[in-house]
Amino acid sequence: MFGFAEGICFDKEFCKFMVTWKRGFLEIVGEMLQGLMEQPMKKTHITCKCNLDSRAVTKYLHVMMANNLVRQTAQTNPHYEITQKGIRYLKQYTALVDMMQTA
């Protein structure tokens, strides 16, 4: 038997099953920001590091720039870098993941 109470998984086997699900929006954004914490990257490097196709990375970067999580460094040969708001997001996302894994 499994169940959720305010997002907390009660059954360890079901939680293991959940790990096999496809990545969600928040997880992909967190993974992209984690990569950008190491260094600013070109879109092609983000694509490889996060195992996404170019169209998906473009859509995610658009949303992330619109929400001030990342910024583009230059128009020619653009790199993307994480902003202070992106760092705050990543810290909160990481704390949530840690909390769910220790539940």
N, C-alpha and C. Protein backbone atom coordinates (compact mmCIF):
# COMPACT_ATOMS: atom_id res chain seq x y z
N MET A 1 0.84 -1.19 0.00
CA MET A 1 0.00 0.00 0.00
C MET A 1 0.88 1.24 0.00
N PHE A 2 0.45 2.26 -0.66
CA PHE A 2 1.19 3.51 -0.69
C PHE A 2 0.24 4.66 -0.48
N GLY A 3 0.78 5.79 -0.15
CA GLY A 3 -0.06 6.96 0.03
C GLY A 3 0.77 8.21 0.13
N PHE A 4 0.10 9.31 -0.04
CA PHE A 4 0.74 10.61 0.06
C PHE A 4 -0.04 11.45 1.06
N ALA A 5 0.67 12.16 1.88
CA ALA A 5 0.07 13.15 2.78
C ALA A 5 0.86 14.42 2.60
N GLU A 6 0.28 15.38 1.94
CA GLU A 6 0.94 16.65 1.65
C GLU A 6 2.28 16.41 0.95
N GLY A 7 2.29 15.49 -0.03
CA GLY A 7 3.47 15.29 -0.86
C GLY A 7 4.54 14.39 -0.28
N ILE A 8 4.29 13.73 0.86
CA ILE A 8 5.30 12.86 1.47
C ILE A 8 4.93 11.41 1.17
N CYS A 9 5.89 10.67 0.69
CA CYS A 9 5.65 9.27 0.33
C CYS A 9 5.80 8.39 1.56
N PHE A 10 4.80 7.50 1.80
CA PHE A 10 4.84 6.62 2.96
C PHE A 10 5.50 5.28 2.67
N ASP A 11 5.51 4.85 1.44
CA ASP A 11 5.99 3.54 1.10
C ASP A 11 7.31 3.64 0.34
N LYS A 12 8.37 3.07 0.90
CA LYS A 12 9.70 3.17 0.29
C LYS A 12 9.75 2.54 -1.10
N GLU A 13 9.05 1.41 -1.31
CA GLU A 13 9.04 0.77 -2.62
C GLU A 13 8.38 1.67 -3.66
N PHE A 14 7.30 2.32 -3.29
CA PHE A 14 6.64 3.24 -4.22
C PHE A 14 7.54 4.43 -4.51
N CYS A 15 8.26 4.91 -3.52
CA CYS A 15 9.18 6.02 -3.73
C CYS A 15 10.28 5.62 -4.72
N LYS A 16 10.78 4.39 -4.62
CA LYS A 16 11.78 3.91 -5.57
C LYS A 16 11.19 3.88 -6.98
N PHE A 17 9.92 3.47 -7.09
CA PHE A 17 9.23 3.45 -8.38
C PHE A 17 9.13 4.86 -8.95
N MET A 18 8.85 5.84 -8.10
CA MET A 18 8.70 7.22 -8.55
C MET A 18 9.99 7.74 -9.15
N VAL A 19 11.13 7.27 -8.68
CA VAL A 19 12.42 7.74 -9.17
C VAL A 19 12.59 7.39 -10.65
N THR A 20 11.93 6.34 -11.12
CA THR A 20 12.06 5.94 -12.52
C THR A 20 11.20 6.78 -13.45
N TRP A 21 10.36 7.65 -12.93
CA TRP A 21 9.54 8.50 -13.77
C TRP A 21 10.42 9.47 -14.52
N LYS A 22 9.88 10.01 -15.61
CA LYS A 22 10.60 11.01 -16.38
C LYS A 22 10.81 12.25 -15.53
N ARG A 23 11.87 13.00 -15.86
CA ARG A 23 12.15 14.22 -15.12
C ARG A 23 11.06 15.25 -15.35
N GLY A 24 10.76 15.98 -14.32
CA GLY A 24 9.77 17.05 -14.42
C GLY A 24 10.43 18.39 -14.66
N PHE A 25 9.60 19.40 -14.84
CA PHE A 25 10.07 20.75 -15.12
C PHE A 25 11.04 21.25 -14.05
N LEU A 26 10.66 21.13 -12.79
CA LEU A 26 11.50 21.64 -11.70
C LEU A 26 12.84 20.92 -11.64
N GLU A 27 12.82 19.62 -11.87
CA GLU A 27 14.06 18.85 -11.84
C GLU A 27 15.00 19.26 -12.97
N ILE A 28 14.45 19.47 -14.16
CA ILE A 28 15.28 19.87 -15.30
C ILE A 28 15.85 21.26 -15.07
N VAL A 29 15.03 22.18 -14.58
CA VAL A 29 15.53 23.53 -14.28
C VAL A 29 16.64 23.45 -13.23
N GLY A 30 16.44 22.65 -12.20
CA GLY A 30 17.47 22.48 -11.17
C GLY A 30 18.76 21.92 -11.74
N GLU A 31 18.64 20.94 -12.63
CA GLU A 31 19.82 20.34 -13.24
C GLU A 31 20.57 21.35 -14.12
N MET A 32 19.82 22.15 -14.87
CA MET A 32 20.44 23.17 -15.71
C MET A 32 21.16 24.21 -14.86
N LEU A 33 20.50 24.65 -13.78
CA LEU A 33 21.13 25.64 -12.90
C LEU A 33 22.36 25.07 -12.22
N GLN A 34 22.31 23.80 -11.84
CA GLN A 34 23.47 23.17 -11.21
C GLN A 34 24.66 23.19 -12.16
N GLY A 35 24.42 22.90 -13.42
CA GLY A 35 25.50 22.96 -14.40
C GLY A 35 26.04 24.37 -14.57
N LEU A 36 25.16 25.36 -14.53
CA LEU A 36 25.59 26.75 -14.68
C LEU A 36 26.30 27.29 -13.43
N MET A 37 26.13 26.62 -12.30
CA MET A 37 26.86 27.01 -11.08
C MET A 37 28.35 26.78 -11.28
N GLU A 38 28.69 25.75 -12.04
CA GLU A 38 30.09 25.40 -12.26
C GLU A 38 30.77 26.45 -13.15
N GLN A 39 30.08 26.86 -14.21
CA GLN A 39 30.63 27.87 -15.12
C GLN A 39 29.54 28.27 -16.12
N PRO A 40 29.64 29.47 -16.69
CA PRO A 40 28.72 29.84 -17.78
C PRO A 40 28.92 28.88 -18.95
N MET A 41 27.82 28.57 -19.64
CA MET A 41 27.90 27.59 -20.74
C MET A 41 27.14 28.08 -21.96
N LYS A 42 27.56 27.56 -23.11
CA LYS A 42 26.81 27.75 -24.34
C LYS A 42 25.61 26.81 -24.31
N LYS A 43 24.64 27.13 -25.16
CA LYS A 43 23.44 26.31 -25.22
C LYS A 43 23.79 24.86 -25.59
N THR A 44 24.74 24.67 -26.48
CA THR A 44 25.10 23.30 -26.88
C THR A 44 25.69 22.51 -25.72
N HIS A 45 26.44 23.16 -24.85
CA HIS A 45 27.00 22.48 -23.68
C HIS A 45 25.91 22.13 -22.68
N ILE A 46 24.93 23.02 -22.51
CA ILE A 46 23.79 22.73 -21.63
C ILE A 46 23.03 21.53 -22.18
N THR A 47 22.84 21.50 -23.50
CA THR A 47 22.13 20.40 -24.15
C THR A 47 22.78 19.06 -23.83
N CYS A 48 24.10 18.99 -23.94
CA CYS A 48 24.82 17.75 -23.66
C CYS A 48 24.79 17.40 -22.18
N LYS A 49 25.05 18.38 -21.33
CA LYS A 49 25.15 18.13 -19.89
C LYS A 49 23.82 17.66 -19.30
N CYS A 50 22.71 18.21 -19.80
CA CYS A 50 21.40 17.87 -19.25
C CYS A 50 20.65 16.80 -20.04
N ASN A 51 21.29 16.32 -21.12
CA ASN A 51 20.69 15.26 -21.94
C ASN A 51 19.30 15.66 -22.46
N LEU A 52 19.24 16.85 -23.06
CA LEU A 52 18.01 17.36 -23.66
C LEU A 52 18.28 17.70 -25.12
N ASP A 53 17.21 17.80 -25.91
CA ASP A 53 17.42 18.24 -27.28
C ASP A 53 17.46 19.77 -27.32
N SER A 54 17.94 20.29 -28.41
CA SER A 54 18.16 21.73 -28.55
C SER A 54 16.87 22.54 -28.39
N ARG A 55 15.77 22.03 -28.94
CA ARG A 55 14.50 22.75 -28.83
C ARG A 55 14.04 22.85 -27.38
N ALA A 56 14.21 21.77 -26.62
CA ALA A 56 13.81 21.78 -25.22
C ALA A 56 14.67 22.77 -24.42
N VAL A 57 15.97 22.75 -24.67
CA VAL A 57 16.86 23.68 -23.97
C VAL A 57 16.49 25.12 -24.28
N THR A 58 16.16 25.40 -25.54
CA THR A 58 15.74 26.75 -25.92
C THR A 58 14.50 27.17 -25.14
N LYS A 59 13.52 26.29 -25.04
CA LYS A 59 12.29 26.60 -24.30
C LYS A 59 12.58 26.82 -22.81
N TYR A 60 13.38 25.94 -22.21
CA TYR A 60 13.72 26.09 -20.79
C TYR A 60 14.49 27.37 -20.54
N LEU A 61 15.46 27.68 -21.40
CA LEU A 61 16.23 28.92 -21.22
C LEU A 61 15.35 30.14 -21.35
N HIS A 62 14.38 30.10 -22.26
CA HIS A 62 13.46 31.23 -22.41
C HIS A 62 12.67 31.46 -21.12
N VAL A 63 12.13 30.39 -20.56
CA VAL A 63 11.38 30.50 -19.30
C VAL A 63 12.29 30.96 -18.16
N MET A 64 13.49 30.41 -18.12
CA MET A 64 14.42 30.75 -17.04
C MET A 64 14.89 32.21 -17.14
N MET A 65 15.08 32.71 -18.37
CA MET A 65 15.46 34.12 -18.53
C MET A 65 14.28 35.03 -18.20
N ALA A 66 13.08 34.62 -18.58
CA ALA A 66 11.90 35.43 -18.28
C ALA A 66 11.67 35.55 -16.77
N ASN A 67 12.12 34.55 -16.02
CA ASN A 67 11.98 34.56 -14.56
C ASN A 67 13.25 34.98 -13.85
N ASN A 68 14.22 35.48 -14.62
CA ASN A 68 15.48 36.01 -14.07
C ASN A 68 16.28 34.97 -13.29
N LEU A 69 16.24 33.72 -13.75
CA LEU A 69 17.06 32.68 -13.13
C LEU A 69 18.42 32.58 -13.81
N VAL A 70 18.46 32.92 -15.11
CA VAL A 70 19.71 32.94 -15.87
C VAL A 70 19.72 34.19 -16.74
N ARG A 71 20.91 34.54 -17.20
CA ARG A 71 21.04 35.65 -18.16
C ARG A 71 22.02 35.26 -19.25
N GLN A 72 21.83 35.89 -20.39
CA GLN A 72 22.70 35.66 -21.54
C GLN A 72 23.81 36.69 -21.47
N THR A 73 25.05 36.25 -21.62
CA THR A 73 26.19 37.16 -21.42
C THR A 73 26.47 38.06 -22.61
N ALA A 74 26.21 37.60 -23.83
CA ALA A 74 26.50 38.41 -25.02
C ALA A 74 25.62 37.95 -26.17
N GLN A 75 25.42 38.82 -27.13
CA GLN A 75 24.62 38.45 -28.30
C GLN A 75 25.43 37.57 -29.25
N THR A 76 26.69 37.91 -29.45
CA THR A 76 27.54 37.07 -30.30
C THR A 76 28.22 36.04 -29.41
N ASN A 77 28.20 34.79 -29.86
CA ASN A 77 28.77 33.69 -29.08
C ASN A 77 28.20 33.66 -27.66
N PRO A 78 26.87 33.57 -27.54
CA PRO A 78 26.24 33.70 -26.22
C PRO A 78 26.56 32.55 -25.25
N HIS A 79 26.78 32.92 -24.03
CA HIS A 79 26.89 31.99 -22.91
C HIS A 79 25.76 32.34 -21.95
N TYR A 80 25.36 31.37 -21.15
CA TYR A 80 24.33 31.60 -20.15
C TYR A 80 24.95 31.43 -18.79
N GLU A 81 24.57 32.31 -17.87
CA GLU A 81 25.09 32.23 -16.50
C GLU A 81 23.94 32.35 -15.52
N ILE A 82 24.13 31.78 -14.36
CA ILE A 82 23.11 31.79 -13.32
C ILE A 82 23.09 33.16 -12.63
N THR A 83 21.90 33.60 -12.23
CA THR A 83 21.75 34.87 -11.51
C THR A 83 21.63 34.59 -10.01
N GLN A 84 21.58 35.63 -9.23
CA GLN A 84 21.39 35.47 -7.78
C GLN A 84 20.04 34.79 -7.49
N LYS A 85 19.02 35.16 -8.23
CA LYS A 85 17.71 34.53 -8.05
C LYS A 85 17.79 33.04 -8.42
N GLY A 86 18.56 32.71 -9.46
CA GLY A 86 18.77 31.32 -9.84
C GLY A 86 19.48 30.54 -8.75
N ILE A 87 20.44 31.18 -8.10
CA ILE A 87 21.16 30.53 -7.00
C ILE A 87 20.19 30.25 -5.84
N ARG A 88 19.33 31.22 -5.53
CA ARG A 88 18.33 31.02 -4.47
C ARG A 88 17.39 29.87 -4.82
N TYR A 89 16.93 29.84 -6.08
CA TYR A 89 16.06 28.76 -6.54
C TYR A 89 16.75 27.42 -6.35
N LEU A 90 18.00 27.33 -6.78
CA LEU A 90 18.74 26.07 -6.70
C LEU A 90 18.90 25.62 -5.25
N LYS A 91 19.20 26.54 -4.35
CA LYS A 91 19.33 26.18 -2.93
C LYS A 91 18.02 25.65 -2.37
N GLN A 92 16.90 26.30 -2.71
CA GLN A 92 15.61 25.85 -2.21
C GLN A 92 15.19 24.52 -2.84
N TYR A 93 15.47 24.36 -4.12
CA TYR A 93 15.16 23.10 -4.79
C TYR A 93 15.97 21.96 -4.18
N THR A 94 17.26 22.19 -3.96
CA THR A 94 18.13 21.17 -3.37
C THR A 94 17.66 20.81 -1.97
N ALA A 95 17.24 21.79 -1.18
CA ALA A 95 16.74 21.53 0.17
C ALA A 95 15.47 20.67 0.10
N LEU A 96 14.59 20.94 -0.85
CA LEU A 96 13.37 20.16 -0.99
C LEU A 96 13.70 18.72 -1.38
N VAL A 97 14.60 18.53 -2.32
CA VAL A 97 14.99 17.18 -2.73
C VAL A 97 15.61 16.44 -1.55
N ASP A 98 16.48 17.10 -0.80
CA ASP A 98 17.10 16.46 0.37
C ASP A 98 16.05 16.05 1.40
N MET A 99 15.09 16.94 1.63
CA MET A 99 14.03 16.65 2.60
C MET A 99 13.21 15.45 2.17
N MET A 100 12.88 15.35 0.88
CA MET A 100 12.08 14.24 0.38
C MET A 100 12.85 12.93 0.42
N GLN A 101 14.17 12.98 0.26
CA GLN A 101 14.96 11.75 0.26
C GLN A 101 15.17 11.23 1.68
N THR A 102 15.08 12.08 2.67
CA THR A 102 15.28 11.65 4.04
C THR A 102 13.96 11.31 4.73
N ALA A 103 12.86 11.46 4.03
CA ALA A 103 11.54 11.21 4.63
C ALA A 103 11.33 9.74 4.87
